[in-house]
Amino acid sequence: MGYSPRLVGKGGVVCTLKAVTSHAPTVLLRADMDALPLQEESRLSFRAENGNAHACGHDMHTAMLLGAAALLRAHQKELPCHVRFFFQGAEEILCGARDGIDAGVLDGIARAFMLHCAVAVPYPTGTVLLPHAGVGAPASVFFDLTLAGESAHAGMKSEGRDALFAGATLLCEASAFAARDGEISFSVGKFSGGSAPNVVAARATLAGTFRAYREEKAEEMRAHLLRLAKDARERFGVTATVRFGGACPPLVNDGEVLSAFTALLKKAEIPFASPDGRSFAAEDFAAIAARVPALAVAITAGQRGHGYEHPLHHPKVIFDEDALPYGALLYTLGALGKPIITSPPTA
């Protein structure tokens, strides 16, 4: 397309499109592009076969931003701002945005914009789902809990220290703590340990995540896990260690940016909705939104009842590719602050 892309951080790619006016502000457009360690079970001819699938639509986001890069370059003389395109990795482990920030991606940025595909929803493909101003996604933390006990014959359990039993108990207690609180989502997606059915397990590992719309609640969950780990030796005779991994703060959508973008959608006659309710799906774009005025919106890419029945992160999820030109258009609106075209380009 005539750009000069450069690598940033551990897995990002950045390129820039300059406006005619050198003193114009710079807008960041971000697309995440990483996959999940998931075996794809779709019937698509191009389905992933290596145990890593784009089950969250990140390949769609990447294609949309590439489309916007082509569109914006064709209208470069009309640009009221410089545009920085950020193709980001490691969103699924909540590390990529911070990595890009550390590499200077936000240097000189006035505002930022991203979009995410929504599937198996009650809206036609191409509908924009707008957030409300303020917090739009929760703070999130990944963790690993490792337990070390002692093996023994299953018929003589008292001579061992059962790491699996301790892990199962701590899992139930942590889940109960979050449920009683009501503001915390706690989940363990991986639990492994043991070597044979008749051997007391000497080791066990739990890997999961917890989320909350208020950071202080996330800190309460963090402290509770540390207390459980500390008390594990006295209660079960095992050593428990908690390691916290990728994390992000709550995602805050800027009210002024949201208002201006909504006006653009109306002017371009693009359908949109502002659904009530909220999920506990986190987004590491929050690290960017914590530093510059930003907006994260969703675009529908598959209506439930029309062949798109599986949710994000499901091995059979598929996306409606008719959403691609709409997404490219939305990225251009997020950059320009005005519509340069009034209908989506053809796919």
Foldseek 3Di string as FASTA:
>chain_A
DPWDWDDAFPGKIKTKAFAPDNPAAEEEEEAEAAWAQAAFDAPDPPADHPSTGNLFCSVLQVLLQVLLVVVCVVVRHVFRHMYMYMHWYDFVQLPTVVRRVVRPVCVRHAEYEYEGEWAQAADDFQAKAFEAFWFAAWKKWKKKKKKFKAKDFLVCPVVIQAALVLVVVVVVVLCVVQVVVPFKDWDWPDKDFDDDPGMRTRMIMTITMMTGRDVVVVVVSVVVSVVSQVCSCVVGVMHMDMDMGHIAHGAGAHPVLSVLLVVQCVVLVRHYDHDDDHDNDHTSCSVVCVPHHYGYMYGYFYYNPPPQNDGRPDSHGDGHSQNSQSSSQSSNCSRRSHRPDSDGDGD
